[in-house]
C-alpha atoms as a PDB file:
ATOM      1  CA  MET A   1       5.142   2.627  -6.762  1.00  0.00           C
ATOM      2  CA  ARG A   2       7.356   5.331  -5.211  1.00  0.00           C
ATOM      3  CA  ASN A   3       6.179   8.045  -7.623  1.00  0.00           C
ATOM      4  CA  ASP A   4       9.589   9.676  -7.597  1.00  0.00           C
ATOM      5  CA  GLY A   5      10.320   9.881 -11.321  1.00  0.00           C
ATOM      6  CA  PRO A   6      11.078  13.111 -13.164  1.00  0.00           C
ATOM      7  CA  VAL A   7       8.234  15.450 -14.100  1.00  0.00           C
ATOM      8  CA  ARG A   8       8.976  16.950 -17.517  1.00  0.00           C
ATOM      9  CA  SER A   9       7.274  19.607 -19.601  1.00  0.00           C
ATOM     10  CA  GLY A  10       5.392  17.914 -22.419  1.00  0.00           C
ATOM     11  CA  ASP A  11       4.643  14.793 -20.358  1.00  0.00           C
ATOM     12  CA  LEU A  12       1.331  13.752 -18.829  1.00  0.00           C
ATOM     13  CA  LEU A  13       0.755  13.023 -15.140  1.00  0.00           C
ATOM     14  CA  LEU A  14      -1.858  10.375 -14.394  1.00  0.00           C
ATOM     15  CA  LEU A  15      -3.113  11.020 -10.858  1.00  0.00           C
ATOM     16  CA  ASP A  16      -5.214   8.213  -9.341  1.00  0.00           C
ATOM     17  CA  ALA A  17      -6.482   9.289  -5.920  1.00  0.00           C
ATOM     18  CA  GLY A  18      -8.403   7.186  -3.446  1.00  0.00           C
ATOM     19  CA  VAL A  19      -9.774   8.499  -0.153  1.00  0.00           C
ATOM     20  CA  GLU A  20     -11.581   7.070   2.836  1.00  0.00           C
ATOM     21  CA  THR A  21     -14.017   9.117   4.929  1.00  0.00           C
ATOM     22  CA  HIS A  22     -14.418   9.014   8.707  1.00  0.00           C
ATOM     23  CA  THR A  23     -17.459   6.796   8.095  1.00  0.00           C
ATOM     24  CA  LEU A  24     -15.110   4.378   6.270  1.00  0.00           C
ATOM     25  CA  TYR A  25     -16.694   4.843   2.831  1.00  0.00           C
ATOM     26  CA  THR A  26     -14.318   5.365  -0.057  1.00  0.00           C
ATOM     27  CA  ALA A  27     -13.939   7.394  -3.232  1.00  0.00           C
ATOM     28  CA  ASP A  28     -11.607   6.888  -6.187  1.00  0.00           C
ATOM     29  CA  ILE A  29     -10.956   9.382  -8.985  1.00  0.00           C
ATOM     30  CA  THR A  30      -8.339   9.776 -11.713  1.00  0.00           C
ATOM     31  CA  ARG A  31      -7.345  12.758 -13.789  1.00  0.00           C
ATOM     32  CA  THR A  32      -4.649  12.978 -16.456  1.00  0.00           C
ATOM     33  CA  LEU A  33      -2.886  16.328 -16.436  1.00  0.00           C
ATOM     34  CA  PRO A  34      -0.424  17.899 -18.881  1.00  0.00           C
ATOM     35  CA  ILE A  35       2.637  18.919 -16.867  1.00  0.00           C
ATOM     36  CA  ASN A  36       3.101  22.219 -18.715  1.00  0.00           C
ATOM     37  CA  GLY A  37      -0.638  22.980 -18.691  1.00  0.00           C
ATOM     38  CA  ARG A  38      -1.375  22.246 -22.364  1.00  0.00           C
ATOM     39  CA  PHE A  39      -2.031  18.996 -24.192  1.00  0.00           C
ATOM     40  CA  THR A  40      -0.142  18.391 -27.410  1.00  0.00           C
ATOM     41  CA  GLU A  41      -2.376  17.712 -30.405  1.00  0.00           C
ATOM     42  CA  ILE A  42      -1.906  13.932 -30.171  1.00  0.00           C
ATOM     43  CA  GLN A  43      -2.296  13.919 -26.366  1.00  0.00           C
ATOM     44  CA  LYS A  44      -5.553  15.849 -26.757  1.00  0.00           C
ATOM     45  CA  GLN A  45      -6.741  13.383 -29.405  1.00  0.00           C
ATOM     46  CA  VAL A  46      -6.179  10.461 -27.025  1.00  0.00           C
ATOM     47  CA  TYR A  47      -7.608  12.365 -24.043  1.00  0.00           C
ATOM     48  CA  ASP A  48     -10.752  13.342 -25.945  1.00  0.00           C
ATOM     49  CA  ALA A  49     -11.274   9.730 -27.059  1.00  0.00           C
ATOM     50  CA  VAL A  50     -11.055   8.534 -23.445  1.00  0.00           C
ATOM     51  CA  TYR A  51     -13.437  11.314 -22.368  1.00  0.00           C
ATOM     52  CA  GLU A  52     -15.902  10.274 -25.096  1.00  0.00           C
ATOM     53  CA  ALA A  53     -15.619   6.661 -23.920  1.00  0.00           C
ATOM     54  CA  GLN A  54     -16.222   7.721 -20.326  1.00  0.00           C
ATOM     55  CA  GLU A  55     -19.290   9.749 -21.333  1.00  0.00           C
ATOM     56  CA  ALA A  56     -20.694   6.685 -23.115  1.00  0.00           C
ATOM     57  CA  GLY A  57     -19.939   4.544 -20.073  1.00  0.00           C
ATOM     58  CA  ILE A  58     -21.580   6.968 -17.649  1.00  0.00           C
ATOM     59  CA  ALA A  59     -24.677   7.211 -19.854  1.00  0.00           C
ATOM     60  CA  ALA A  60     -24.982   3.414 -19.661  1.00  0.00           C
ATOM     61  CA  VAL A  61     -25.161   3.438 -15.839  1.00  0.00           C
ATOM     62  CA  GLN A  62     -28.911   3.018 -15.270  1.00  0.00           C
ATOM     63  CA  PRO A  63     -31.060   1.276 -12.649  1.00  0.00           C
ATOM     64  CA  GLY A  64     -32.010  -2.140 -13.957  1.00  0.00           C
ATOM     65  CA  GLY A  65     -29.089  -2.157 -16.362  1.00  0.00           C
ATOM     66  CA  LYS A  66     -26.409  -4.783 -16.341  1.00  0.00           C
ATOM     67  CA  TYR A  67     -23.170  -4.036 -14.498  1.00  0.00           C
ATOM     68  CA  ARG A  68     -21.158  -4.675 -17.687  1.00  0.00           C
ATOM     69  CA  ASP A  69     -23.175  -2.184 -19.780  1.00  0.00           C
ATOM     70  CA  PHE A  70     -20.913   0.750 -18.932  1.00  0.00           C
ATOM     71  CA  HIS A  71     -17.798  -1.281 -19.736  1.00  0.00           C
ATOM     72  CA  ASP A  72     -19.202  -2.396 -23.093  1.00  0.00           C
ATOM     73  CA  ALA A  73     -20.275   1.157 -24.028  1.00  0.00           C
ATOM     74  CA  ALA A  74     -16.856   2.614 -23.221  1.00  0.00           C
ATOM     75  CA  GLN A  75     -14.971  -0.188 -24.976  1.00  0.00           C
ATOM     76  CA  ARG A  76     -17.027   0.346 -28.146  1.00  0.00           C
ATOM     77  CA  VAL A  77     -15.936   3.995 -28.318  1.00  0.00           C
ATOM     78  CA  LEU A  78     -12.274   3.076 -27.755  1.00  0.00           C
ATOM     79  CA  ALA A  79     -12.493   0.378 -30.439  1.00  0.00           C
ATOM     80  CA  GLU A  80     -14.020   2.902 -32.858  1.00  0.00           C
ATOM     81  CA  ARG A  81     -11.163   5.333 -32.217  1.00  0.00           C
ATOM     82  CA  VAL A  82      -8.305   2.837 -32.653  1.00  0.00           C
ATOM     83  CA  VAL A  83      -9.895   1.730 -35.937  1.00  0.00           C
ATOM     84  CA  GLU A  84     -10.356   5.366 -37.010  1.00  0.00           C
ATOM     85  CA  TRP A  85      -6.688   6.096 -36.194  1.00  0.00           C
ATOM     86  CA  GLY A  86      -5.549   3.092 -38.224  1.00  0.00           C
ATOM     87  CA  LEU A  87      -4.021   1.255 -35.254  1.00  0.00           C
ATOM     88  CA  VAL A  88      -6.084  -1.877 -35.955  1.00  0.00           C
ATOM     89  CA  GLU A  89      -8.043  -3.036 -38.970  1.00  0.00           C
ATOM     90  CA  GLY A  90     -11.825  -2.885 -38.664  1.00  0.00           C
ATOM     91  CA  PRO A  91     -14.653  -3.320 -38.777  1.00  0.00           C
ATOM     92  CA  VAL A  92     -15.354  -2.296 -35.176  1.00  0.00           C
ATOM     93  CA  GLU A  93     -17.487  -5.413 -34.520  1.00  0.00           C
ATOM     94  CA  ARG A  94     -14.484  -7.590 -35.404  1.00  0.00           C
ATOM     95  CA  VAL A  95     -12.214  -5.542 -33.139  1.00  0.00           C
ATOM     96  CA  LEU A  96     -14.660  -5.903 -30.240  1.00  0.00           C
ATOM     97  CA  GLU A  97     -15.199  -9.615 -30.859  1.00  0.00           C
ATOM     98  CA  LEU A  98     -11.436 -10.235 -30.770  1.00  0.00           C
ATOM     99  CA  GLY A  99     -10.803  -7.658 -28.032  1.00  0.00           C
ATOM    100  CA  LEU A 100      -8.070  -5.999 -30.095  1.00  0.00           C
ATOM    101  CA  GLN A 101      -8.542  -2.623 -28.402  1.00  0.00           C
ATOM    102  CA  ARG A 102      -7.671  -4.264 -25.074  1.00  0.00           C
ATOM    103  CA  ARG A 103      -3.985  -4.172 -26.041  1.00  0.00           C
ATOM    104  CA  TRP A 104      -4.098  -0.490 -25.066  1.00  0.00           C
ATOM    105  CA  THR A 105      -6.826  -0.403 -22.379  1.00  0.00           C
ATOM    106  CA  LEU A 106      -4.981  -2.625 -19.855  1.00  0.00           C
ATOM    107  CA  HIS A 107      -7.718  -2.723 -17.185  1.00  0.00           C
ATOM    108  CA  GLY A 108     -11.442  -2.937 -16.667  1.00  0.00           C
ATOM    109  CA  THR A 109     -13.615   0.137 -17.061  1.00  0.00           C
ATOM    110  CA  GLY A 110     -14.640   0.417 -13.433  1.00  0.00           C
ATOM    111  CA  HIS A 111     -15.470  -1.172 -10.101  1.00  0.00           C
ATOM    112  CA  MET A 112     -17.943  -0.841  -7.274  1.00  0.00           C
ATOM    113  CA  LEU A 113     -17.231   1.599  -4.442  1.00  0.00           C
ATOM    114  CA  GLY A 114     -18.188   1.249  -0.805  1.00  0.00           C
ATOM    115  CA  LEU A 115     -16.298   0.153   2.287  1.00  0.00           C
ATOM    116  CA  ASP A 116     -13.320  -0.629   0.071  1.00  0.00           C
ATOM    117  CA  VAL A 117     -11.962   1.198  -2.979  1.00  0.00           C
ATOM    118  CA  HIS A 118     -12.571  -1.994  -4.955  1.00  0.00           C
ATOM    119  CA  ASP A 119     -15.676  -3.004  -3.045  1.00  0.00           C
ATOM    120  CA  CYS A 120     -16.938  -6.564  -3.337  1.00  0.00           C
ATOM    121  CA  ALA A 121     -14.023  -7.643  -5.504  1.00  0.00           C
ATOM    122  CA  ALA A 122     -14.426 -11.156  -4.104  1.00  0.00           C
ATOM    123  CA  ALA A 123     -18.218 -11.219  -4.619  1.00  0.00           C
ATOM    124  CA  ARG A 124     -19.862 -13.951  -6.637  1.00  0.00           C
ATOM    125  CA  THR A 125     -19.750 -13.329 -10.382  1.00  0.00           C
ATOM    126  CA  GLU A 126     -23.543 -13.573 -10.726  1.00  0.00           C
ATOM    127  CA  THR A 127     -24.081 -10.756  -8.215  1.00  0.00           C
ATOM    128  CA  TYR A 128     -21.238  -8.486  -9.324  1.00  0.00           C
ATOM    129  CA  VAL A 129     -19.918  -8.525 -12.900  1.00  0.00           C
ATOM    130  CA  GLU A 130     -23.046 -10.307 -14.121  1.00  0.00           C
ATOM    131  CA  GLY A 131     -25.297  -8.419 -11.720  1.00  0.00           C
ATOM    132  CA  THR A 132     -27.925  -5.727 -12.166  1.00  0.00           C
ATOM    133  CA  LEU A 133     -27.459  -2.096 -11.100  1.00  0.00           C
ATOM    134  CA  GLU A 134     -29.795  -0.790  -8.407  1.00  0.00           C
ATOM    135  CA  PRO A 135     -30.410   2.716  -7.029  1.00  0.00           C
ATOM    136  CA  GLY A 136     -27.928   3.523  -4.274  1.00  0.00           C
ATOM    137  CA  MET A 137     -25.036   1.597  -5.779  1.00  0.00           C
ATOM    138  CA  VAL A 138     -21.865   3.588  -6.452  1.00  0.00           C
ATOM    139  CA  LEU A 139     -19.260   2.598  -9.007  1.00  0.00           C
ATOM    140  CA  THR A 140     -16.394   4.088 -10.940  1.00  0.00           C
ATOM    141  CA  VAL A 141     -16.333   4.613 -14.688  1.00  0.00           C
ATOM    142  CA  GLU A 142     -12.682   4.833 -15.723  1.00  0.00           C
ATOM    143  CA  PRO A 143     -11.729   3.983 -19.288  1.00  0.00           C
ATOM    144  CA  GLY A 144      -8.132   4.434 -20.335  1.00  0.00           C
ATOM    145  CA  LEU A 145      -5.789   4.198 -23.291  1.00  0.00           C
ATOM    146  CA  TYR A 146      -2.090   3.520 -22.738  1.00  0.00           C
ATOM    147  CA  PHE A 147       0.548   3.430 -25.426  1.00  0.00           C
ATOM    148  CA  GLN A 148       3.817   2.120 -24.005  1.00  0.00           C
ATOM    149  CA  ALA A 149       6.984   4.049 -24.871  1.00  0.00           C
ATOM    150  CA  ASP A 150       8.449   0.989 -26.596  1.00  0.00           C
ATOM    151  CA  ASP A 151       5.266  -0.157 -28.431  1.00  0.00           C
ATOM    152  CA  LEU A 152       6.365  -0.613 -32.032  1.00  0.00           C
ATOM    153  CA  THR A 153       2.811  -1.509 -33.111  1.00  0.00           C
ATOM    154  CA  VAL A 154       1.742   2.157 -32.991  1.00  0.00           C
ATOM    155  CA  PRO A 155       3.141   5.238 -34.744  1.00  0.00           C
ATOM    156  CA  GLU A 156       5.878   6.990 -32.794  1.00  0.00           C
ATOM    157  CA  GLU A 157       3.720  10.004 -31.898  1.00  0.00           C
ATOM    158  CA  TYR A 158       1.442   7.785 -29.753  1.00  0.00           C
ATOM    159  CA  ARG A 159       4.234   6.149 -27.781  1.00  0.00           C
ATOM    160  CA  GLY A 160       4.437   7.113 -24.139  1.00  0.00           C
ATOM    161  CA  ILE A 161       0.906   8.582 -23.958  1.00  0.00           C
ATOM    162  CA  GLY A 162      -1.346   7.195 -21.241  1.00  0.00           C
ATOM    163  CA  VAL A 163      -4.736   8.652 -20.310  1.00  0.00           C
ATOM    164  CA  ARG A 164      -7.364   7.616 -17.778  1.00  0.00           C
ATOM    165  CA  ILE A 165     -10.367   9.609 -16.548  1.00  0.00           C
ATOM    166  CA  GLU A 166     -12.217   8.197 -13.541  1.00  0.00           C
ATOM    167  CA  ASP A 167     -15.342   9.423 -11.791  1.00  0.00           C
ATOM    168  CA  ASP A 168     -17.596   8.073  -9.054  1.00  0.00           C
ATOM    169  CA  ILE A 169     -21.140   7.440 -10.283  1.00  0.00           C
ATOM    170  CA  LEU A 170     -24.223   6.968  -8.092  1.00  0.00           C
ATOM    171  CA  VAL A 171     -27.056   4.894  -9.557  1.00  0.00           C
ATOM    172  CA  THR A 172     -30.260   6.884  -8.960  1.00  0.00           C
ATOM    173  CA  GLU A 173     -33.939   6.005  -9.338  1.00  0.00           C
ATOM    174  CA  ASP A 174     -34.031   7.543 -12.815  1.00  0.00           C
ATOM    175  CA  GLY A 175     -30.439   7.340 -14.066  1.00  0.00           C
ATOM    176  CA  ASN A 176     -27.191   8.357 -12.423  1.00  0.00           C
ATOM    177  CA  ARG A 177     -25.347  11.204 -10.747  1.00  0.00           C
ATOM    178  CA  ASN A 178     -21.644  11.964 -11.108  1.00  0.00           C
ATOM    179  CA  LEU A 179     -20.444  12.499  -7.534  1.00  0.00           C
ATOM    180  CA  SER A 180     -17.046  13.814  -8.634  1.00  0.00           C
ATOM    181  CA  ASP A 181     -18.091  16.177 -11.420  1.00  0.00           C
ATOM    182  CA  GLY A 182     -16.755  19.172  -9.494  1.00  0.00           C
ATOM    183  CA  LEU A 183     -13.334  18.292 -10.897  1.00  0.00           C
ATOM    184  CA  PRO A 184     -12.410  19.260 -14.481  1.00  0.00           C
ATOM    185  CA  ARG A 185     -13.128  16.503 -16.996  1.00  0.00           C
ATOM    186  CA  THR A 186     -12.888  17.741 -20.593  1.00  0.00           C
ATOM    187  CA  SER A 187      -9.507  18.578 -22.121  1.00  0.00           C
ATOM    188  CA  ALA A 188     -10.489  22.255 -22.244  1.00  0.00           C
ATOM    189  CA  GLU A 189     -11.541  22.228 -18.571  1.00  0.00           C
ATOM    190  CA  VAL A 190      -8.268  20.556 -17.574  1.00  0.00           C
ATOM    191  CA  GLU A 191      -6.212  23.138 -19.470  1.00  0.00           C
ATOM    192  CA  SER A 192      -8.231  25.993 -17.947  1.00  0.00           C
ATOM    193  CA  TRP A 193      -7.793  24.550 -14.459  1.00  0.00           C
ATOM    194  CA  MET A 194      -4.047  24.092 -14.990  1.00  0.00           C
ATOM    195  CA  ALA A 195      -3.778  27.705 -16.211  1.00  0.00           C
ATOM    196  CA  SER A 196      -5.568  28.920 -13.063  1.00  0.00           C
ATOM    197  CA  LEU A 197      -3.022  27.067 -10.898  1.00  0.00           C
ATOM    198  CA  LYS A 198      -0.143  28.861 -12.617  1.00  0.00           C
ATOM    199  CA  GLY A 199      -1.928  32.182 -12.248  1.00  0.00           C
END
């Protein structure tokens, strides 16, 4: 909670930033940054999988869609990747049914935004997590994969890698709009941005 640990070359920094405007509305974004400016091959593999999951989740944010659609879309991609990497035995439908990918996702894929960073967290289930998306609603889409440093269920090269990418998505009349897409999102964009900061 104090965020006072060492920052080492080769590590990743997961930066989760929430803000509140003068009108009391909130925003919440997360980026995962390589400390030395470049992802290792395995870090990039995990990052790109999370980015792919986020893209699937964002695409599922549609007016008239169910709130859980973006979560389900992102979780499917993450399940496909952990099967592909040999971390769990497929098929993907079995992994999703048993929630095996959740060992490394650790949290939900998003939440509503508004007058609180986790707006309406105490709302009735039927109007929130089982609700329908409507134009004007704003929510986060933030899949993640986290491999603990001491997790003996994964190969050593995965241990200690944690990645989350979070953006704020407005439900529009005909789809959605990423309100935070001015920040780098792909692994290549992140590396380019980091290089510009060193410049």
